Amino acid sequence: MILSVQDLSFRYNSHPVLQDVRCEARPDEIVAILGPNGAGKTTLLRCMNAMLRPKTGTVMLGQQDILSSSRREIARSIAHVPQHIEPPRVTAFDAILLGRRPWIGMNVHKNDILKVQAIIEQLHLSGLALRYVDAMSGGELQKVAIARALVQEPRLLLLDEPTSSLDLKNQHEIMQFIRSVVHTHHLPALMTMHDLNLALHYADRFVLLKEGRVFAAGGEEVITAKLIAEVYGIPVTIQRWGGRSVVVPHANADDSMGSPGIPAGR
């Protein structure tokens, strides 16, 4: 199921935030939405599931016109994991069960319980199931939030900075967790990110925003030292390390030609 965003524009009052944005995501791939603060990353994510209504443009998930769909129809198609989660005083099992709301009426049925149990087992979260989410670590809470998203049975996964406020170990655990979820369920996933190296390590494609416009989009080949300098306003070197590209910021803006022992960036 392919997500296609075409010519999307959004304004807060009279202030343009997104202008003529185009991007897409395919099953089994992670697309990282990158850019400096204020570039429109979170706004774009919210427009994709119609939490915000764009001024112009279309958002299509396969043949479904998201911007013309009801909230219930959208919730059955798109799962959104926000950046900030206020954990209630409920167990992880009950928190995940809330993800079934788009599919149930007044009562929870046995089938809904079985789906929650299946997701918990599939994601190896049995040890968290009866723990209260407001007593969990950031990494544990994020895993529960992703499990809740999956039990919606979505066709698209949106994540807003899923590794923010996590330590190095938990950042990689969550990204490995997301990659496993995407491939197991054959979902397209789009996520906003600030850490370029984390994005290069786990994402398949990239959309770089600057001042509300798509500055570049594509695979790893678009992530160049020149492009990063233009988007973020800081000179960097890009090196190959362990078969992967690594972004190394220069110590100061005067180091744009590199430093001893560091090869020039792409």
C-alpha atoms as a PDB file:
ATOM      1  CA  MET A   1       0.000   0.000   0.000  1.00  0.00           C
ATOM      2  CA  ILE A   2       1.751   3.166  -1.208  1.00  0.00           C
ATOM      3  CA  LEU A   3       1.336   6.532   0.496  1.00  0.00           C
ATOM      4  CA  SER A   4       1.449   9.435  -1.947  1.00  0.00           C
ATOM      5  CA  VAL A   5       1.508  13.078  -0.857  1.00  0.00           C
ATOM      6  CA  GLN A   6       1.139  15.569  -3.699  1.00  0.00           C
ATOM      7  CA  ASP A   7       1.398  19.375  -3.752  1.00  0.00           C
ATOM      8  CA  LEU A   8       0.561  19.703  -0.070  1.00  0.00           C
ATOM      9  CA  SER A   9       0.544  23.194   1.451  1.00  0.00           C
ATOM     10  CA  PHE A  10      -0.413  24.286   4.967  1.00  0.00           C
ATOM     11  CA  ARG A  11      -0.672  27.615   6.782  1.00  0.00           C
ATOM     12  CA  TYR A  12      -1.013  28.582  10.434  1.00  0.00           C
ATOM     13  CA  ASN A  13      -3.290  31.600  10.050  1.00  0.00           C
ATOM     14  CA  SER A  14      -1.479  33.560   7.323  1.00  0.00           C
ATOM     15  CA  HIS A  15       1.955  32.024   7.961  1.00  0.00           C
ATOM     16  CA  PRO A  16       2.995  29.399   5.383  1.00  0.00           C
ATOM     17  CA  VAL A  17       4.465  26.296   7.025  1.00  0.00           C
ATOM     18  CA  LEU A  18       4.447  23.758   4.159  1.00  0.00           C
ATOM     19  CA  GLN A  19       4.554  24.591   0.460  1.00  0.00           C
ATOM     20  CA  ASP A  20       3.995  22.179  -2.423  1.00  0.00           C
ATOM     21  CA  VAL A  21       5.330  19.147  -0.544  1.00  0.00           C
ATOM     22  CA  ARG A  22       5.572  15.879  -2.431  1.00  0.00           C
ATOM     23  CA  CYS A  23       6.702  12.561  -0.968  1.00  0.00           C
ATOM     24  CA  GLU A  24       5.772   8.883  -0.863  1.00  0.00           C
ATOM     25  CA  ALA A  25       6.359   5.726   1.137  1.00  0.00           C
ATOM     26  CA  ARG A  26       6.124   2.076   0.136  1.00  0.00           C
ATOM     27  CA  PRO A  27       5.574  -1.120   2.147  1.00  0.00           C
ATOM     28  CA  ASP A  28       8.603  -2.535   3.983  1.00  0.00           C
ATOM     29  CA  GLU A  29      10.429   0.792   4.041  1.00  0.00           C
ATOM     30  CA  ILE A  30      11.232   3.510   6.545  1.00  0.00           C
ATOM     31  CA  VAL A  31      11.235   7.081   5.278  1.00  0.00           C
ATOM     32  CA  ALA A  32      12.990   9.604   7.515  1.00  0.00           C
ATOM     33  CA  ILE A  33      11.693  13.177   7.415  1.00  0.00           C
ATOM     34  CA  LEU A  34      14.658  15.399   8.232  1.00  0.00           C
ATOM     35  CA  GLY A  35      15.315  19.111   8.572  1.00  0.00           C
ATOM     36  CA  PRO A  36      16.110  21.824  11.105  1.00  0.00           C
ATOM     37  CA  ASN A  37      13.736  22.997  13.807  1.00  0.00           C
ATOM     38  CA  GLY A  38      10.776  24.827  12.317  1.00  0.00           C
ATOM     39  CA  ALA A  39      11.125  23.192   8.895  1.00  0.00           C
ATOM     40  CA  GLY A  40       7.604  21.709   9.111  1.00  0.00           C
ATOM     41  CA  LYS A  41       8.398  18.063   9.888  1.00  0.00           C
ATOM     42  CA  THR A  42       5.752  17.461  12.569  1.00  0.00           C
ATOM     43  CA  THR A  43       3.201  19.568  10.683  1.00  0.00           C
ATOM     44  CA  LEU A  44       3.718  17.378   7.610  1.00  0.00           C
ATOM     45  CA  LEU A  45       3.152  14.235   9.666  1.00  0.00           C
ATOM     46  CA  ARG A  46      -0.066  15.678  11.109  1.00  0.00           C
ATOM     47  CA  CYS A  47      -1.308  16.635   7.671  1.00  0.00           C
ATOM     48  CA  MET A  48      -0.745  13.068   6.455  1.00  0.00           C
ATOM     49  CA  ASN A  49      -3.385  11.717   8.825  1.00  0.00           C
ATOM     50  CA  ALA A  50      -5.622  14.817   8.616  1.00  0.00           C
ATOM     51  CA  MET A  51      -5.025  15.909  12.201  1.00  0.00           C
ATOM     52  CA  LEU A  52      -4.292  19.185  10.426  1.00  0.00           C
ATOM     53  CA  ARG A  53      -6.149  20.095   7.260  1.00  0.00           C
ATOM     54  CA  PRO A  54      -3.832  21.332   4.496  1.00  0.00           C
ATOM     55  CA  LYS A  55      -4.827  24.311   2.392  1.00  0.00           C
ATOM     56  CA  THR A  56      -4.079  22.455  -0.840  1.00  0.00           C
ATOM     57  CA  GLY A  57      -2.856  19.043  -1.954  1.00  0.00           C
ATOM     58  CA  THR A  58      -3.771  15.382  -1.656  1.00  0.00           C
ATOM     59  CA  VAL A  59      -2.841  12.499   0.627  1.00  0.00           C
ATOM     60  CA  MET A  60      -3.601   9.106  -0.912  1.00  0.00           C
ATOM     61  CA  LEU A  61      -3.063   5.736   0.769  1.00  0.00           C
ATOM     62  CA  GLY A  62      -3.527   3.359  -2.110  1.00  0.00           C
ATOM     63  CA  GLN A  63      -6.971   4.313  -3.439  1.00  0.00           C
ATOM     64  CA  GLN A  64      -8.093   5.915  -0.177  1.00  0.00           C
ATOM     65  CA  ASP A  65      -8.308   9.704  -0.139  1.00  0.00           C
ATOM     66  CA  ILE A  66      -7.228  10.405   3.437  1.00  0.00           C
ATOM     67  CA  LEU A  67      -8.332  14.045   3.474  1.00  0.00           C
ATOM     68  CA  SER A  68     -11.868  13.026   2.486  1.00  0.00           C
ATOM     69  CA  SER A  69     -12.098  10.132   4.964  1.00  0.00           C
ATOM     70  CA  SER A  70     -13.816  10.150   8.352  1.00  0.00           C
ATOM     71  CA  ARG A  71     -11.754  10.065  11.557  1.00  0.00           C
ATOM     72  CA  ARG A  72     -12.769   6.446  12.099  1.00  0.00           C
ATOM     73  CA  GLU A  73     -11.741   5.470   8.573  1.00  0.00           C
ATOM     74  CA  ILE A  74      -8.398   7.227   9.021  1.00  0.00           C
ATOM     75  CA  ALA A  75      -7.790   5.524  12.374  1.00  0.00           C
ATOM     76  CA  ARG A  76      -8.399   2.168  10.688  1.00  0.00           C
ATOM     77  CA  SER A  77      -5.767   2.986   8.066  1.00  0.00           C
ATOM     78  CA  ILE A  78      -3.109   5.106   9.781  1.00  0.00           C
ATOM     79  CA  ALA A  79      -1.484   4.698  13.189  1.00  0.00           C
ATOM     80  CA  HIS A  80       0.263   7.725  14.666  1.00  0.00           C
ATOM     81  CA  VAL A  81       2.821   7.558  17.487  1.00  0.00           C
ATOM     82  CA  PRO A  82       3.273  11.099  18.849  1.00  0.00           C
ATOM     83  CA  GLN A  83       6.509  12.514  20.189  1.00  0.00           C
ATOM     84  CA  HIS A  84       5.197  13.145  23.686  1.00  0.00           C
ATOM     85  CA  ILE A  85       3.153  10.467  25.435  1.00  0.00           C
ATOM     86  CA  GLU A  86       1.416  11.166  28.737  1.00  0.00           C
ATOM     87  CA  PRO A  87       1.280   7.718  30.348  1.00  0.00           C
ATOM     88  CA  PRO A  88      -1.993   7.023  32.186  1.00  0.00           C
ATOM     89  CA  ARG A  89      -2.290   4.804  35.263  1.00  0.00           C
ATOM     90  CA  VAL A  90      -3.133   1.658  33.307  1.00  0.00           C
ATOM     91  CA  THR A  91      -1.299  -1.551  32.514  1.00  0.00           C
ATOM     92  CA  ALA A  92       0.522  -1.995  29.240  1.00  0.00           C
ATOM     93  CA  PHE A  93      -2.107  -4.548  28.193  1.00  0.00           C
ATOM     94  CA  ASP A  94      -4.923  -2.017  28.672  1.00  0.00           C
ATOM     95  CA  ALA A  95      -2.917   0.736  26.972  1.00  0.00           C
ATOM     96  CA  ILE A  96      -2.391  -1.481  23.937  1.00  0.00           C
ATOM     97  CA  LEU A  97      -6.062  -2.514  23.961  1.00  0.00           C
ATOM     98  CA  LEU A  98      -6.988   1.158  23.466  1.00  0.00           C
ATOM     99  CA  GLY A  99      -5.566   0.799  19.970  1.00  0.00           C
ATOM    100  CA  ARG A 100      -8.620  -1.309  19.096  1.00  0.00           C
ATOM    101  CA  ARG A 101     -10.968   1.689  19.523  1.00  0.00           C
ATOM    102  CA  PRO A 102     -11.403   2.287  15.766  1.00  0.00           C
ATOM    103  CA  TRP A 103     -12.741  -1.247  15.392  1.00  0.00           C
ATOM    104  CA  ILE A 104     -14.976  -1.729  18.427  1.00  0.00           C
ATOM    105  CA  GLY A 105     -18.275  -0.266  19.570  1.00  0.00           C
ATOM    106  CA  MET A 106     -19.382  -0.093  23.188  1.00  0.00           C
ATOM    107  CA  ASN A 107     -17.907  -3.445  24.180  1.00  0.00           C
ATOM    108  CA  VAL A 108     -14.560  -5.179  23.865  1.00  0.00           C
ATOM    109  CA  HIS A 109     -14.868  -8.597  22.269  1.00  0.00           C
ATOM    110  CA  LYS A 110     -12.803 -11.729  22.646  1.00  0.00           C
ATOM    111  CA  ASN A 111     -11.310 -11.163  19.208  1.00  0.00           C
ATOM    112  CA  ASP A 112      -9.915  -7.790  20.355  1.00  0.00           C
ATOM    113  CA  ILE A 113      -8.306  -9.405  23.405  1.00  0.00           C
ATOM    114  CA  LEU A 114      -6.763 -12.083  21.205  1.00  0.00           C
ATOM    115  CA  LYS A 115      -5.326  -9.472  18.850  1.00  0.00           C
ATOM    116  CA  VAL A 116      -3.714  -7.633  21.760  1.00  0.00           C
ATOM    117  CA  GLN A 117      -2.252 -10.872  23.097  1.00  0.00           C
ATOM    118  CA  ALA A 118      -0.914 -11.735  19.654  1.00  0.00           C
ATOM    119  CA  ILE A 119       0.829  -8.360  19.265  1.00  0.00           C
ATOM    120  CA  ILE A 120       2.326  -8.596  22.761  1.00  0.00           C
ATOM    121  CA  GLU A 121       3.716 -12.053  22.021  1.00  0.00           C
ATOM    122  CA  GLN A 122       4.913 -11.113  18.549  1.00  0.00           C
ATOM    123  CA  LEU A 123       6.815  -8.086  19.877  1.00  0.00           C
ATOM    124  CA  HIS A 124       8.154  -9.973  22.920  1.00  0.00           C
ATOM    125  CA  LEU A 125       6.446  -7.639  25.393  1.00  0.00           C
ATOM    126  CA  SER A 126       4.974 -10.280  27.709  1.00  0.00           C
ATOM    127  CA  GLY A 127       7.192  -9.072  30.540  1.00  0.00           C
ATOM    128  CA  LEU A 128       5.613  -5.611  30.310  1.00  0.00           C
ATOM    129  CA  ALA A 129       1.975  -6.610  29.830  1.00  0.00           C
ATOM    130  CA  LEU A 130       0.833  -6.241  33.452  1.00  0.00           C
ATOM    131  CA  ARG A 131       3.119  -3.378  34.419  1.00  0.00           C
ATOM    132  CA  TYR A 132       1.757   0.140  34.738  1.00  0.00           C
ATOM    133  CA  VAL A 133       2.893   2.348  31.893  1.00  0.00           C
ATOM    134  CA  ASP A 134       3.442   5.392  34.119  1.00  0.00           C
ATOM    135  CA  ALA A 135       6.202   3.431  35.878  1.00  0.00           C
ATOM    136  CA  MET A 136       8.038   2.433  32.685  1.00  0.00           C
ATOM    137  CA  SER A 137      11.255   3.732  31.217  1.00  0.00           C
ATOM    138  CA  GLY A 138      11.155   5.834  28.062  1.00  0.00           C
ATOM    139  CA  GLY A 139      12.200   2.905  25.888  1.00  0.00           C
ATOM    140  CA  GLU A 140       9.591   0.575  27.375  1.00  0.00           C
ATOM    141  CA  LEU A 141       6.876   3.190  26.996  1.00  0.00           C
ATOM    142  CA  GLN A 142       7.783   3.731  23.353  1.00  0.00           C
ATOM    143  CA  LYS A 143       7.532  -0.009  22.655  1.00  0.00           C
ATOM    144  CA  VAL A 144       4.080  -0.085  24.223  1.00  0.00           C
ATOM    145  CA  ALA A 145       3.044   2.924  22.118  1.00  0.00           C
ATOM    146  CA  ILE A 146       4.178   1.151  18.943  1.00  0.00           C
ATOM    147  CA  ALA A 147       2.340  -2.026  19.988  1.00  0.00           C
ATOM    148  CA  ARG A 148      -0.791   0.053  20.544  1.00  0.00           C
ATOM    149  CA  ALA A 149      -0.377   1.509  17.056  1.00  0.00           C
ATOM    150  CA  LEU A 150       0.006  -1.946  15.506  1.00  0.00           C
ATOM    151  CA  VAL A 151      -3.093  -3.387  17.148  1.00  0.00           C
ATOM    152  CA  GLN A 152      -5.062  -0.797  15.147  1.00  0.00           C
ATOM    153  CA  GLU A 153      -4.158  -2.963  12.132  1.00  0.00           C
ATOM    154  CA  PRO A 154      -2.983   0.089  10.177  1.00  0.00           C
ATOM    155  CA  ARG A 155      -1.759   0.228   6.617  1.00  0.00           C
ATOM    156  CA  LEU A 156       0.612   3.100   7.412  1.00  0.00           C
ATOM    157  CA  LEU A 157       2.721   3.940  10.467  1.00  0.00           C
ATOM    158  CA  LEU A 158       3.629   7.550  11.355  1.00  0.00           C
ATOM    159  CA  LEU A 159       6.105   8.271  14.151  1.00  0.00           C
ATOM    160  CA  ASP A 160       7.085  11.701  15.452  1.00  0.00           C
ATOM    161  CA  GLU A 161      10.680  11.615  16.726  1.00  0.00           C
ATOM    162  CA  PRO A 162      10.393   8.104  18.202  1.00  0.00           C
ATOM    163  CA  THR A 163      13.880   8.258  19.763  1.00  0.00           C
ATOM    164  CA  SER A 164      13.692  11.678  21.404  1.00  0.00           C
ATOM    165  CA  SER A 165      14.778  11.710  25.063  1.00  0.00           C
ATOM    166  CA  LEU A 166      16.165   8.169  24.837  1.00  0.00           C
ATOM    167  CA  ASP A 167      19.734   7.183  25.639  1.00  0.00           C
ATOM    168  CA  LEU A 168      22.036   5.714  22.995  1.00  0.00           C
ATOM    169  CA  LYS A 169      21.211   2.073  23.739  1.00  0.00           C
ATOM    170  CA  ASN A 170      17.448   2.676  23.763  1.00  0.00           C
ATOM    171  CA  GLN A 171      17.625   4.734  20.565  1.00  0.00           C
ATOM    172  CA  HIS A 172      19.042   1.765  18.689  1.00  0.00           C
ATOM    173  CA  GLU A 173      16.715  -0.707  20.401  1.00  0.00           C
ATOM    174  CA  ILE A 174      13.673   1.330  19.362  1.00  0.00           C
ATOM    175  CA  MET A 175      14.910   1.758  15.790  1.00  0.00           C
ATOM    176  CA  GLN A 176      15.623  -1.977  15.498  1.00  0.00           C
ATOM    177  CA  PHE A 177      12.172  -2.592  16.964  1.00  0.00           C
ATOM    178  CA  ILE A 178      10.543  -0.299  14.387  1.00  0.00           C
ATOM    179  CA  ARG A 179      12.468  -1.843  11.510  1.00  0.00           C
ATOM    180  CA  SER A 180      11.385  -5.320  12.607  1.00  0.00           C
ATOM    181  CA  VAL A 181       7.750  -4.163  12.861  1.00  0.00           C
ATOM    182  CA  VAL A 182       7.844  -2.558   9.396  1.00  0.00           C
ATOM    183  CA  HIS A 183       9.244  -5.677   7.731  1.00  0.00           C
ATOM    184  CA  THR A 184       7.102  -8.170   9.652  1.00  0.00           C
ATOM    185  CA  HIS A 185       3.851  -6.334   8.917  1.00  0.00           C
ATOM    186  CA  HIS A 186       4.910  -5.049   5.471  1.00  0.00           C
ATOM    187  CA  LEU A 187       4.060  -1.468   6.398  1.00  0.00           C
ATOM    188  CA  PRO A 188       5.325   1.815   5.052  1.00  0.00           C
ATOM    189  CA  ALA A 189       6.578   4.000   7.912  1.00  0.00           C
ATOM    190  CA  LEU A 190       7.412   7.681   7.972  1.00  0.00           C
ATOM    191  CA  MET A 191       9.156   9.250  10.930  1.00  0.00           C
ATOM    192  CA  THR A 192      10.481  12.649  11.814  1.00  0.00           C
ATOM    193  CA  MET A 193      14.056  12.568  13.109  1.00  0.00           C
ATOM    194  CA  HIS A 194      16.806  14.926  14.224  1.00  0.00           C
ATOM    195  CA  ASP A 195      19.702  12.474  14.453  1.00  0.00           C
ATOM    196  CA  LEU A 196      21.157  12.205  10.948  1.00  0.00           C
ATOM    197  CA  ASN A 197      23.391   9.254  11.784  1.00  0.00           C
ATOM    198  CA  LEU A 198      20.528   7.298  13.313  1.00  0.00           C
ATOM    199  CA  ALA A 199      18.477   8.023  10.205  1.00  0.00           C
ATOM    200  CA  LEU A 200      21.309   6.901   7.906  1.00  0.00           C
ATOM    201  CA  HIS A 201      21.657   3.691   9.894  1.00  0.00           C
ATOM    202  CA  TYR A 202      17.999   2.639   9.755  1.00  0.00           C
ATOM    203  CA  ALA A 203      16.022   4.538   7.112  1.00  0.00           C
ATOM    204  CA  ASP A 204      15.644   3.422   3.506  1.00  0.00           C
ATOM    205  CA  ARG A 205      14.822   6.827   2.044  1.00  0.00           C
ATOM    206  CA  PHE A 206      14.936  10.442   3.143  1.00  0.00           C
ATOM    207  CA  VAL A 207      12.895  13.616   2.754  1.00  0.00           C
ATOM    208  CA  LEU A 208      14.752  16.789   3.742  1.00  0.00           C
ATOM    209  CA  LEU A 209      12.655  19.855   4.492  1.00  0.00           C
ATOM    210  CA  LYS A 210      13.863  23.426   4.578  1.00  0.00           C
ATOM    211  CA  GLU A 211      11.531  26.329   5.257  1.00  0.00           C
ATOM    212  CA  GLY A 212       8.504  24.167   4.517  1.00  0.00           C
ATOM    213  CA  ARG A 213       9.657  22.865   1.150  1.00  0.00           C
ATOM    214  CA  VAL A 214      11.194  19.562   0.086  1.00  0.00           C
ATOM    215  CA  PHE A 215      14.836  20.447  -0.444  1.00  0.00           C
ATOM    216  CA  ALA A 216      15.837  16.907  -1.454  1.00  0.00           C
ATOM    217  CA  ALA A 217      14.355  13.413  -1.438  1.00  0.00           C
ATOM    218  CA  GLY A 218      15.692   9.977  -2.276  1.00  0.00           C
ATOM    219  CA  GLY A 219      18.031   7.288  -1.004  1.00  0.00           C
ATOM    220  CA  GLU A 220      21.356   7.639   0.778  1.00  0.00           C
ATOM    221  CA  GLU A 221      22.846   9.248  -2.323  1.00  0.00           C
ATOM    222  CA  VAL A 222      21.019  12.517  -1.551  1.00  0.00           C
ATOM    223  CA  ILE A 223      22.683  12.850   1.868  1.00  0.00           C
ATOM    224  CA  THR A 224      25.784  14.820   0.892  1.00  0.00           C
ATOM    225  CA  ALA A 225      27.985  17.218   2.844  1.00  0.00           C
ATOM    226  CA  LYS A 226      26.934  20.031   0.533  1.00  0.00           C
ATOM    227  CA  LEU A 227      23.239  19.340   1.019  1.00  0.00           C
ATOM    228  CA  ILE A 228      23.521  19.136   4.817  1.00  0.00           C
ATOM    229  CA  ALA A 229      25.417  22.415   4.900  1.00  0.00           C
ATOM    230  CA  GLU A 230      22.676  24.049   2.830  1.00  0.00           C
ATOM    231  CA  VAL A 231      19.798  22.609   4.873  1.00  0.00           C
ATOM    232  CA  TYR A 232      21.242  22.841   8.394  1.00  0.00           C
ATOM    233  CA  GLY A 233      23.728  25.676   7.972  1.00  0.00           C
ATOM    234  CA  ILE A 234      26.684  23.723   9.348  1.00  0.00           C
ATOM    235  CA  PRO A 235      29.669  22.249   7.478  1.00  0.00           C
ATOM    236  CA  VAL A 236      30.128  18.490   7.829  1.00  0.00           C
ATOM    237  CA  THR A 237      32.219  15.661   6.511  1.00  0.00           C
ATOM    238  CA  ILE A 238      30.610  12.379   5.481  1.00  0.00           C
ATOM    239  CA  GLN A 239      32.776   9.317   6.000  1.00  0.00           C
ATOM    240  CA  ARG A 240      32.273   5.611   5.466  1.00  0.00           C
ATOM    241  CA  TRP A 241      32.553   3.589   8.645  1.00  0.00           C
ATOM    242  CA  GLY A 242      31.601  -0.071   8.966  1.00  0.00           C
ATOM    243  CA  GLY A 243      30.005   0.021   5.543  1.00  0.00           C
ATOM    244  CA  ARG A 244      27.758   2.957   6.449  1.00  0.00           C
ATOM    245  CA  SER A 245      27.849   6.712   5.969  1.00  0.00           C
ATOM    246  CA  VAL A 246      28.549   8.784   9.070  1.00  0.00           C
ATOM    247  CA  VAL A 247      27.998  12.538   9.345  1.00  0.00           C
ATOM    248  CA  VAL A 248      30.787  14.335  11.230  1.00  0.00           C
ATOM    249  CA  PRO A 249      30.118  18.015  12.019  1.00  0.00           C
ATOM    250  CA  HIS A 250      33.126  20.290  11.805  1.00  0.00           C
ATOM    251  CA  ALA A 251      34.358  21.882  15.000  1.00  0.00           C
ATOM    252  CA  ASN A 252      33.513  25.331  13.653  1.00  0.00           C
ATOM    253  CA  ALA A 253      32.328  26.944  10.469  1.00  0.00           C
ATOM    254  CA  ASP A 254      35.903  27.703   9.406  1.00  0.00           C
ATOM    255  CA  ASP A 255      36.631  23.987   9.070  1.00  0.00           C
ATOM    256  CA  SER A 256      34.609  23.661   5.888  1.00  0.00           C
ATOM    257  CA  MET A 257      37.616  22.225   4.033  1.00  0.00           C
ATOM    258  CA  GLY A 258      38.059  19.429   6.544  1.00  0.00           C
ATOM    259  CA  SER A 259      40.702  18.787   9.187  1.00  0.00           C
ATOM    260  CA  PRO A 260      43.881  16.698   9.273  1.00  0.00           C
ATOM    261  CA  GLY A 261      43.177  12.997   9.134  1.00  0.00           C
ATOM    262  CA  ILE A 262      39.591  13.466   7.953  1.00  0.00           C
ATOM    263  CA  PRO A 263      38.903  13.007   4.243  1.00  0.00           C
ATOM    264  CA  ALA A 264      36.799  15.567   2.434  1.00  0.00           C
ATOM    265  CA  GLY A 265      33.058  14.891   2.535  1.00  0.00           C
ATOM    266  CA  ARG A 266      30.795  13.963  -0.352  1.00  0.00           C
END
